[in-house]
Amino acid sequence: MRSRFGVVVFADVLDHARIDRILDMGVVWGYLLSTDRSVGKPMTRDDILDAAAQVIRKKGYHAASMADIAGAVNLQKASLYHHVSSKQEILLELLDRALEMLTARIAPVVNEAIPADEKLRRMILVYLQSLAENPDLSSVLLFEHRSLDKKSHARHVPNRDRFENLWQSVLREGVRARLFDCPDIGIAVRGLMGTLNWTLTWYRPDGALPIEKIANYYADLFFNGLLKK
């Protein structure tokens, strides 16, 4: 059946058994693939990625299936492939999204006209806040990047390196200003990032320690160490 606008009327298609004779079936099929049928609203790629991050965080990348992700957004598994081609594509895009989000939060701090030690302290706080505010996306970034295949990993590494370089640039700035004594900036950044990243495994928003206090403690420890002066 056609409406006067030349588009198949959805209810008519559902009411007729001989669907294969409907010339505009492609239009309806595209609608089916792109709609959350529980509420009838269009399904977006962002909806799928948000749901995928939740599923992967809960089950782990290898245990999470495309059927799990499809079910989280009320799609059939076959319909999910209308939006994404593979689980690897989802993982890579989630990692890219996470790095883009973190870069957007950290880069402005790097560009502030303040001393390097104040800048680094501020970066630590903003980074931890960003992880805590986006637990699903952050968990995928920190704990599932090793699940990338070789091709996807090669695409991911330059983005990761650009983000790490933001931290390295501040340490280099501090060394030039004689604020820091840091013979190996690469190791220093990896050590700091490892500490910050692991916080996501034990931090609780309703816990005794607010994220600001944790950030200040890490900054003091990084700058001053454990030995008494």
C-alpha atoms as a PDB file:
ATOM      1  CA  MET A   1       0.000   0.000   0.000  1.00  0.00           C
ATOM      2  CA  ARG A   2       1.141   3.562  -0.720  1.00  0.00           C
ATOM      3  CA  SER A   3       0.121   6.719   1.047  1.00  0.00           C
ATOM      4  CA  ARG A   4      -0.566   9.818  -1.008  1.00  0.00           C
ATOM      5  CA  PHE A   5       2.995  10.890  -0.256  1.00  0.00           C
ATOM      6  CA  GLY A   6       4.392   7.802  -1.939  1.00  0.00           C
ATOM      7  CA  VAL A   7       5.548   6.131   1.297  1.00  0.00           C
ATOM      8  CA  VAL A   8       4.380   2.763   2.542  1.00  0.00           C
ATOM      9  CA  VAL A   9       1.946   3.088   5.417  1.00  0.00           C
ATOM     10  CA  PHE A  10       3.501   1.139   8.303  1.00  0.00           C
ATOM     11  CA  ALA A  11       0.242  -0.248   9.672  1.00  0.00           C
ATOM     12  CA  ASP A  12      -0.818  -1.427   6.212  1.00  0.00           C
ATOM     13  CA  VAL A  13       2.407  -3.394   5.801  1.00  0.00           C
ATOM     14  CA  LEU A  14       1.951  -5.121   9.105  1.00  0.00           C
ATOM     15  CA  ASP A  15      -1.664  -6.041   8.260  1.00  0.00           C
ATOM     16  CA  HIS A  16      -0.875  -7.689   4.914  1.00  0.00           C
ATOM     17  CA  ALA A  17       0.593 -11.149   4.649  1.00  0.00           C
ATOM     18  CA  ARG A  18       2.021 -10.686   1.166  1.00  0.00           C
ATOM     19  CA  ILE A  19       4.745  -8.258   2.215  1.00  0.00           C
ATOM     20  CA  ASP A  20       7.062  -9.404  -0.543  1.00  0.00           C
ATOM     21  CA  ARG A  21       4.819  -7.663  -3.076  1.00  0.00           C
ATOM     22  CA  ILE A  22       5.153  -4.285  -1.413  1.00  0.00           C
ATOM     23  CA  LEU A  23       7.506  -2.271  -3.604  1.00  0.00           C
ATOM     24  CA  ASP A  24       8.610   0.007  -0.806  1.00  0.00           C
ATOM     25  CA  MET A  25       9.588  -2.673   1.660  1.00  0.00           C
ATOM     26  CA  GLY A  26      13.092  -1.202   1.851  1.00  0.00           C
ATOM     27  CA  VAL A  27      11.662   1.923   3.456  1.00  0.00           C
ATOM     28  CA  VAL A  28       9.884  -0.083   6.120  1.00  0.00           C
ATOM     29  CA  TRP A  29      12.894  -2.320   6.704  1.00  0.00           C
ATOM     30  CA  GLY A  30      15.053   0.727   7.254  1.00  0.00           C
ATOM     31  CA  TYR A  31      12.494   1.977   9.779  1.00  0.00           C
ATOM     32  CA  LEU A  32      12.504  -1.334  11.608  1.00  0.00           C
ATOM     33  CA  LEU A  33      16.281  -1.366  11.773  1.00  0.00           C
ATOM     34  CA  SER A  34      16.492   2.182  13.095  1.00  0.00           C
ATOM     35  CA  THR A  35      13.727   2.230  15.691  1.00  0.00           C
ATOM     36  CA  ASP A  36      13.513   1.272  19.342  1.00  0.00           C
ATOM     37  CA  ARG A  37      10.301  -0.664  19.023  1.00  0.00           C
ATOM     38  CA  SER A  38       9.529  -0.494  22.727  1.00  0.00           C
ATOM     39  CA  VAL A  39       8.878   3.249  22.487  1.00  0.00           C
ATOM     40  CA  GLY A  40       8.796   3.903  18.733  1.00  0.00           C
ATOM     41  CA  LYS A  41      11.550   6.511  18.719  1.00  0.00           C
ATOM     42  CA  PRO A  42      14.511   6.551  16.322  1.00  0.00           C
ATOM     43  CA  MET A  43      17.553   4.607  17.469  1.00  0.00           C
ATOM     44  CA  THR A  44      20.789   6.583  17.251  1.00  0.00           C
ATOM     45  CA  ARG A  45      24.382   5.443  17.095  1.00  0.00           C
ATOM     46  CA  ASP A  46      25.023   7.271  20.364  1.00  0.00           C
ATOM     47  CA  ASP A  47      22.275   5.210  22.032  1.00  0.00           C
ATOM     48  CA  ILE A  48      23.976   2.025  20.883  1.00  0.00           C
ATOM     49  CA  LEU A  49      27.432   3.144  21.983  1.00  0.00           C
ATOM     50  CA  ASP A  50      26.175   4.215  25.410  1.00  0.00           C
ATOM     51  CA  ALA A  51      24.493   0.856  25.878  1.00  0.00           C
ATOM     52  CA  ALA A  52      27.560  -0.996  24.603  1.00  0.00           C
ATOM     53  CA  ALA A  53      29.773   0.772  27.144  1.00  0.00           C
ATOM     54  CA  GLN A  54      27.446  -0.331  29.933  1.00  0.00           C
ATOM     55  CA  VAL A  55      27.341  -3.922  28.729  1.00  0.00           C
ATOM     56  CA  ILE A  56      31.105  -4.155  28.203  1.00  0.00           C
ATOM     57  CA  ARG A  57      31.820  -2.590  31.583  1.00  0.00           C
ATOM     58  CA  LYS A  58      29.546  -5.128  33.275  1.00  0.00           C
ATOM     59  CA  LYS A  59      30.509  -8.288  31.382  1.00  0.00           C
ATOM     60  CA  GLY A  60      33.911  -7.521  29.862  1.00  0.00           C
ATOM     61  CA  TYR A  61      34.585  -7.210  26.152  1.00  0.00           C
ATOM     62  CA  HIS A  62      35.051 -10.903  25.390  1.00  0.00           C
ATOM     63  CA  ALA A  63      32.000 -12.028  27.389  1.00  0.00           C
ATOM     64  CA  ALA A  64      29.749  -9.297  25.980  1.00  0.00           C
ATOM     65  CA  SER A  65      27.997 -10.332  22.789  1.00  0.00           C
ATOM     66  CA  MET A  66      26.387  -8.367  19.994  1.00  0.00           C
ATOM     67  CA  ALA A  67      23.100  -9.911  21.147  1.00  0.00           C
ATOM     68  CA  ASP A  68      23.674  -8.443  24.622  1.00  0.00           C
ATOM     69  CA  ILE A  69      24.256  -4.988  23.133  1.00  0.00           C
ATOM     70  CA  ALA A  70      21.242  -5.287  20.854  1.00  0.00           C
ATOM     71  CA  GLY A  71      19.061  -6.359  23.760  1.00  0.00           C
ATOM     72  CA  ALA A  72      20.159  -3.346  25.801  1.00  0.00           C
ATOM     73  CA  VAL A  73      18.613  -1.046  23.194  1.00  0.00           C
ATOM     74  CA  ASN A  74      15.612  -3.270  22.338  1.00  0.00           C
ATOM     75  CA  LEU A  75      16.883  -4.246  18.909  1.00  0.00           C
ATOM     76  CA  GLN A  76      17.161  -7.627  17.283  1.00  0.00           C
ATOM     77  CA  LYS A  77      20.757  -8.714  16.763  1.00  0.00           C
ATOM     78  CA  ALA A  78      20.358  -8.571  12.984  1.00  0.00           C
ATOM     79  CA  SER A  79      19.048  -5.011  13.245  1.00  0.00           C
ATOM     80  CA  LEU A  80      22.120  -3.937  15.210  1.00  0.00           C
ATOM     81  CA  TYR A  81      24.301  -4.616  12.171  1.00  0.00           C
ATOM     82  CA  HIS A  82      22.440  -1.872  10.336  1.00  0.00           C
ATOM     83  CA  HIS A  83      24.252   0.568  12.659  1.00  0.00           C
ATOM     84  CA  VAL A  84      27.603  -1.108  13.369  1.00  0.00           C
ATOM     85  CA  SER A  85      29.587  -3.722  11.510  1.00  0.00           C
ATOM     86  CA  SER A  86      31.299  -5.506  14.397  1.00  0.00           C
ATOM     87  CA  LYS A  87      32.113  -5.534  18.086  1.00  0.00           C
ATOM     88  CA  GLN A  88      35.626  -4.327  17.215  1.00  0.00           C
ATOM     89  CA  GLU A  89      34.146  -1.270  15.541  1.00  0.00           C
ATOM     90  CA  ILE A  90      32.154  -0.543  18.708  1.00  0.00           C
ATOM     91  CA  LEU A  91      35.205  -0.951  20.936  1.00  0.00           C
ATOM     92  CA  LEU A  92      37.410   1.293  18.824  1.00  0.00           C
ATOM     93  CA  GLU A  93      34.769   4.010  18.681  1.00  0.00           C
ATOM     94  CA  LEU A  94      34.257   3.851  22.436  1.00  0.00           C
ATOM     95  CA  LEU A  95      37.988   4.230  23.012  1.00  0.00           C
ATOM     96  CA  ASP A  96      38.114   7.182  20.630  1.00  0.00           C
ATOM     97  CA  ARG A  97      35.129   8.789  22.347  1.00  0.00           C
ATOM     98  CA  ALA A  98      36.743   8.383  25.747  1.00  0.00           C
ATOM     99  CA  LEU A  99      40.002   9.965  24.634  1.00  0.00           C
ATOM    100  CA  GLU A 100      38.161  12.800  22.919  1.00  0.00           C
ATOM    101  CA  MET A 101      36.206  13.479  26.096  1.00  0.00           C
ATOM    102  CA  LEU A 102      39.311  13.426  28.278  1.00  0.00           C
ATOM    103  CA  THR A 103      41.321  15.563  25.864  1.00  0.00           C
ATOM    104  CA  ALA A 104      38.544  18.148  25.784  1.00  0.00           C
ATOM    105  CA  ARG A 105      38.701  18.347  29.587  1.00  0.00           C
ATOM    106  CA  ILE A 106      42.481  18.263  30.021  1.00  0.00           C
ATOM    107  CA  ALA A 107      43.739  20.395  27.116  1.00  0.00           C
ATOM    108  CA  PRO A 108      42.312  23.683  28.465  1.00  0.00           C
ATOM    109  CA  VAL A 109      44.168  23.129  31.744  1.00  0.00           C
ATOM    110  CA  VAL A 110      47.412  22.487  29.858  1.00  0.00           C
ATOM    111  CA  ASN A 111      46.981  25.852  28.140  1.00  0.00           C
ATOM    112  CA  GLU A 112      46.357  27.823  31.337  1.00  0.00           C
ATOM    113  CA  ALA A 113      48.937  30.488  32.198  1.00  0.00           C
ATOM    114  CA  ILE A 114      49.860  29.027  35.594  1.00  0.00           C
ATOM    115  CA  PRO A 115      53.005  27.293  36.936  1.00  0.00           C
ATOM    116  CA  ALA A 116      53.499  23.689  35.909  1.00  0.00           C
ATOM    117  CA  ASP A 117      53.008  22.287  39.409  1.00  0.00           C
ATOM    118  CA  GLU A 118      49.648  24.034  39.807  1.00  0.00           C
ATOM    119  CA  LYS A 119      48.732  22.935  36.307  1.00  0.00           C
ATOM    120  CA  LEU A 120      49.554  19.294  37.021  1.00  0.00           C
ATOM    121  CA  ARG A 121      47.611  19.350  40.279  1.00  0.00           C
ATOM    122  CA  ARG A 122      44.612  20.727  38.410  1.00  0.00           C
ATOM    123  CA  MET A 123      44.977  18.108  35.651  1.00  0.00           C
ATOM    124  CA  ILE A 124      44.948  15.314  38.209  1.00  0.00           C
ATOM    125  CA  LEU A 125      41.676  16.621  39.654  1.00  0.00           C
ATOM    126  CA  VAL A 126      39.996  17.133  36.285  1.00  0.00           C
ATOM    127  CA  TYR A 127      41.108  13.706  35.080  1.00  0.00           C
ATOM    128  CA  LEU A 128      39.749  11.905  38.142  1.00  0.00           C
ATOM    129  CA  GLN A 129      36.498  13.863  37.952  1.00  0.00           C
ATOM    130  CA  SER A 130      36.140  12.898  34.295  1.00  0.00           C
ATOM    131  CA  LEU A 131      36.685   9.205  35.045  1.00  0.00           C
ATOM    132  CA  ALA A 132      34.221   9.278  37.928  1.00  0.00           C
ATOM    133  CA  GLU A 133      31.550  11.105  35.923  1.00  0.00           C
ATOM    134  CA  ASN A 134      31.806   8.670  33.000  1.00  0.00           C
ATOM    135  CA  PRO A 135      32.359   5.263  34.623  1.00  0.00           C
ATOM    136  CA  ASP A 136      31.157   3.117  31.706  1.00  0.00           C
ATOM    137  CA  LEU A 137      33.216   4.853  29.043  1.00  0.00           C
ATOM    138  CA  SER A 138      36.223   5.171  31.351  1.00  0.00           C
ATOM    139  CA  SER A 139      36.168   1.480  32.248  1.00  0.00           C
ATOM    140  CA  VAL A 140      36.193   0.506  28.590  1.00  0.00           C
ATOM    141  CA  LEU A 141      39.133   2.807  27.905  1.00  0.00           C
ATOM    142  CA  LEU A 142      41.223   1.701  30.854  1.00  0.00           C
ATOM    143  CA  PHE A 143      40.527  -2.019  30.942  1.00  0.00           C
ATOM    144  CA  GLU A 144      39.478  -3.137  27.464  1.00  0.00           C
ATOM    145  CA  HIS A 145      41.998  -1.496  25.125  1.00  0.00           C
ATOM    146  CA  ARG A 146      44.001  -4.721  25.037  1.00  0.00           C
ATOM    147  CA  SER A 147      41.035  -6.383  23.349  1.00  0.00           C
ATOM    148  CA  LEU A 148      41.614  -4.433  20.146  1.00  0.00           C
ATOM    149  CA  ASP A 149      42.791  -6.476  17.195  1.00  0.00           C
ATOM    150  CA  LYS A 150      46.046  -5.515  15.514  1.00  0.00           C
ATOM    151  CA  LYS A 151      44.491  -3.226  12.926  1.00  0.00           C
ATOM    152  CA  SER A 152      42.264  -1.405  15.400  1.00  0.00           C
ATOM    153  CA  HIS A 153      45.116  -1.092  17.886  1.00  0.00           C
ATOM    154  CA  ALA A 154      47.251   0.612  15.264  1.00  0.00           C
ATOM    155  CA  ARG A 155      44.476   3.160  14.732  1.00  0.00           C
ATOM    156  CA  HIS A 156      44.040   3.710  18.478  1.00  0.00           C
ATOM    157  CA  VAL A 157      47.683   4.238  19.472  1.00  0.00           C
ATOM    158  CA  PRO A 158      48.181   7.696  17.895  1.00  0.00           C
ATOM    159  CA  ASN A 159      45.153   9.039  19.802  1.00  0.00           C
ATOM    160  CA  ARG A 160      46.436   7.532  23.038  1.00  0.00           C
ATOM    161  CA  ASP A 161      49.901   8.977  22.465  1.00  0.00           C
ATOM    162  CA  ARG A 162      48.511  12.448  21.796  1.00  0.00           C
ATOM    163  CA  PHE A 163      46.671  12.340  25.096  1.00  0.00           C
ATOM    164  CA  GLU A 164      49.730  11.150  27.012  1.00  0.00           C
ATOM    165  CA  ASN A 165      51.762  13.913  25.406  1.00  0.00           C
ATOM    166  CA  LEU A 166      49.561  16.496  27.120  1.00  0.00           C
ATOM    167  CA  TRP A 167      50.868  15.213  30.448  1.00  0.00           C
ATOM    168  CA  GLN A 168      54.422  14.902  29.207  1.00  0.00           C
ATOM    169  CA  SER A 169      54.362  18.494  27.964  1.00  0.00           C
ATOM    170  CA  VAL A 170      53.503  19.790  31.438  1.00  0.00           C
ATOM    171  CA  LEU A 171      56.291  17.764  33.017  1.00  0.00           C
ATOM    172  CA  ARG A 172      58.732  19.097  30.433  1.00  0.00           C
ATOM    173  CA  GLU A 173      57.489  22.586  31.197  1.00  0.00           C
ATOM    174  CA  GLY A 174      58.118  22.004  34.892  1.00  0.00           C
ATOM    175  CA  VAL A 175      61.621  20.707  34.226  1.00  0.00           C
ATOM    176  CA  ARG A 176      62.439  23.777  32.116  1.00  0.00           C
ATOM    177  CA  ALA A 177      61.165  26.030  34.908  1.00  0.00           C
ATOM    178  CA  ARG A 178      63.266  24.052  37.421  1.00  0.00           C
ATOM    179  CA  LEU A 179      60.162  23.102  39.358  1.00  0.00           C
ATOM    180  CA  PHE A 180      60.552  19.381  38.649  1.00  0.00           C
ATOM    181  CA  ASP A 181      63.520  17.038  38.750  1.00  0.00           C
ATOM    182  CA  CYS A 182      62.391  14.314  36.373  1.00  0.00           C
ATOM    183  CA  PRO A 183      65.078  12.294  34.548  1.00  0.00           C
ATOM    184  CA  ASP A 184      62.539  10.114  32.667  1.00  0.00           C
ATOM    185  CA  ILE A 185      59.332  11.935  31.829  1.00  0.00           C
ATOM    186  CA  GLY A 186      57.811   8.937  30.050  1.00  0.00           C
ATOM    187  CA  ILE A 187      58.081   6.696  33.108  1.00  0.00           C
ATOM    188  CA  ALA A 188      56.849   9.471  35.390  1.00  0.00           C
ATOM    189  CA  VAL A 189      53.716   9.979  33.279  1.00  0.00           C
ATOM    190  CA  ARG A 190      52.996   6.260  33.029  1.00  0.00           C
ATOM    191  CA  GLY A 191      53.431   5.859  36.780  1.00  0.00           C
ATOM    192  CA  LEU A 192      51.107   8.754  37.511  1.00  0.00           C
ATOM    193  CA  MET A 193      48.497   7.620  34.981  1.00  0.00           C
ATOM    194  CA  GLY A 194      48.582   4.082  36.335  1.00  0.00           C
ATOM    195  CA  THR A 195      47.836   5.350  39.827  1.00  0.00           C
ATOM    196  CA  LEU A 196      45.020   7.596  38.643  1.00  0.00           C
ATOM    197  CA  ASN A 197      43.492   4.937  36.408  1.00  0.00           C
ATOM    198  CA  TRP A 198      43.419   2.296  39.123  1.00  0.00           C
ATOM    199  CA  THR A 199      41.310   4.609  41.269  1.00  0.00           C
ATOM    200  CA  LEU A 200      38.324   3.656  39.133  1.00  0.00           C
ATOM    201  CA  THR A 201      38.454   0.115  40.562  1.00  0.00           C
ATOM    202  CA  TRP A 202      37.804   1.205  44.145  1.00  0.00           C
ATOM    203  CA  TYR A 203      36.374   4.720  44.138  1.00  0.00           C
ATOM    204  CA  ARG A 204      32.699   5.054  45.103  1.00  0.00           C
ATOM    205  CA  PRO A 205      30.774   8.322  44.639  1.00  0.00           C
ATOM    206  CA  ASP A 206      29.046   7.749  47.983  1.00  0.00           C
ATOM    207  CA  GLY A 207      32.252   6.748  49.752  1.00  0.00           C
ATOM    208  CA  ALA A 208      34.045   8.520  52.563  1.00  0.00           C
ATOM    209  CA  LEU A 209      36.608  10.218  50.305  1.00  0.00           C
ATOM    210  CA  PRO A 210      35.451  12.862  47.826  1.00  0.00           C
ATOM    211  CA  ILE A 211      37.254  12.892  44.509  1.00  0.00           C
ATOM    212  CA  GLU A 212      38.805  16.292  45.279  1.00  0.00           C
ATOM    213  CA  LYS A 213      40.498  14.945  48.404  1.00  0.00           C
ATOM    214  CA  ILE A 214      41.801  11.908  46.545  1.00  0.00           C
ATOM    215  CA  ALA A 215      43.195  14.128  43.798  1.00  0.00           C
ATOM    216  CA  ASN A 216      44.995  16.374  46.281  1.00  0.00           C
ATOM    217  CA  TYR A 217      46.455  13.359  48.082  1.00  0.00           C
ATOM    218  CA  TYR A 218      47.804  11.945  44.830  1.00  0.00           C
ATOM    219  CA  ALA A 219      49.279  15.316  43.853  1.00  0.00           C
ATOM    220  CA  ASP A 220      50.995  15.692  47.240  1.00  0.00           C
ATOM    221  CA  LEU A 221      52.351  12.158  47.029  1.00  0.00           C
ATOM    222  CA  PHE A 222      53.595  12.703  43.471  1.00  0.00           C
ATOM    223  CA  PHE A 223      55.285  15.996  44.312  1.00  0.00           C
ATOM    224  CA  ASN A 224      56.618  15.204  47.789  1.00  0.00           C
ATOM    225  CA  GLY A 225      56.961  11.419  48.033  1.00  0.00           C
ATOM    226  CA  LEU A 226      56.766   9.472  51.262  1.00  0.00           C
ATOM    227  CA  LEU A 227      60.028  10.456  52.920  1.00  0.00           C
ATOM    228  CA  LYS A 228      59.963  13.125  55.598  1.00  0.00           C
ATOM    229  CA  LYS A 229      61.869  16.258  54.691  1.00  0.00           C
END
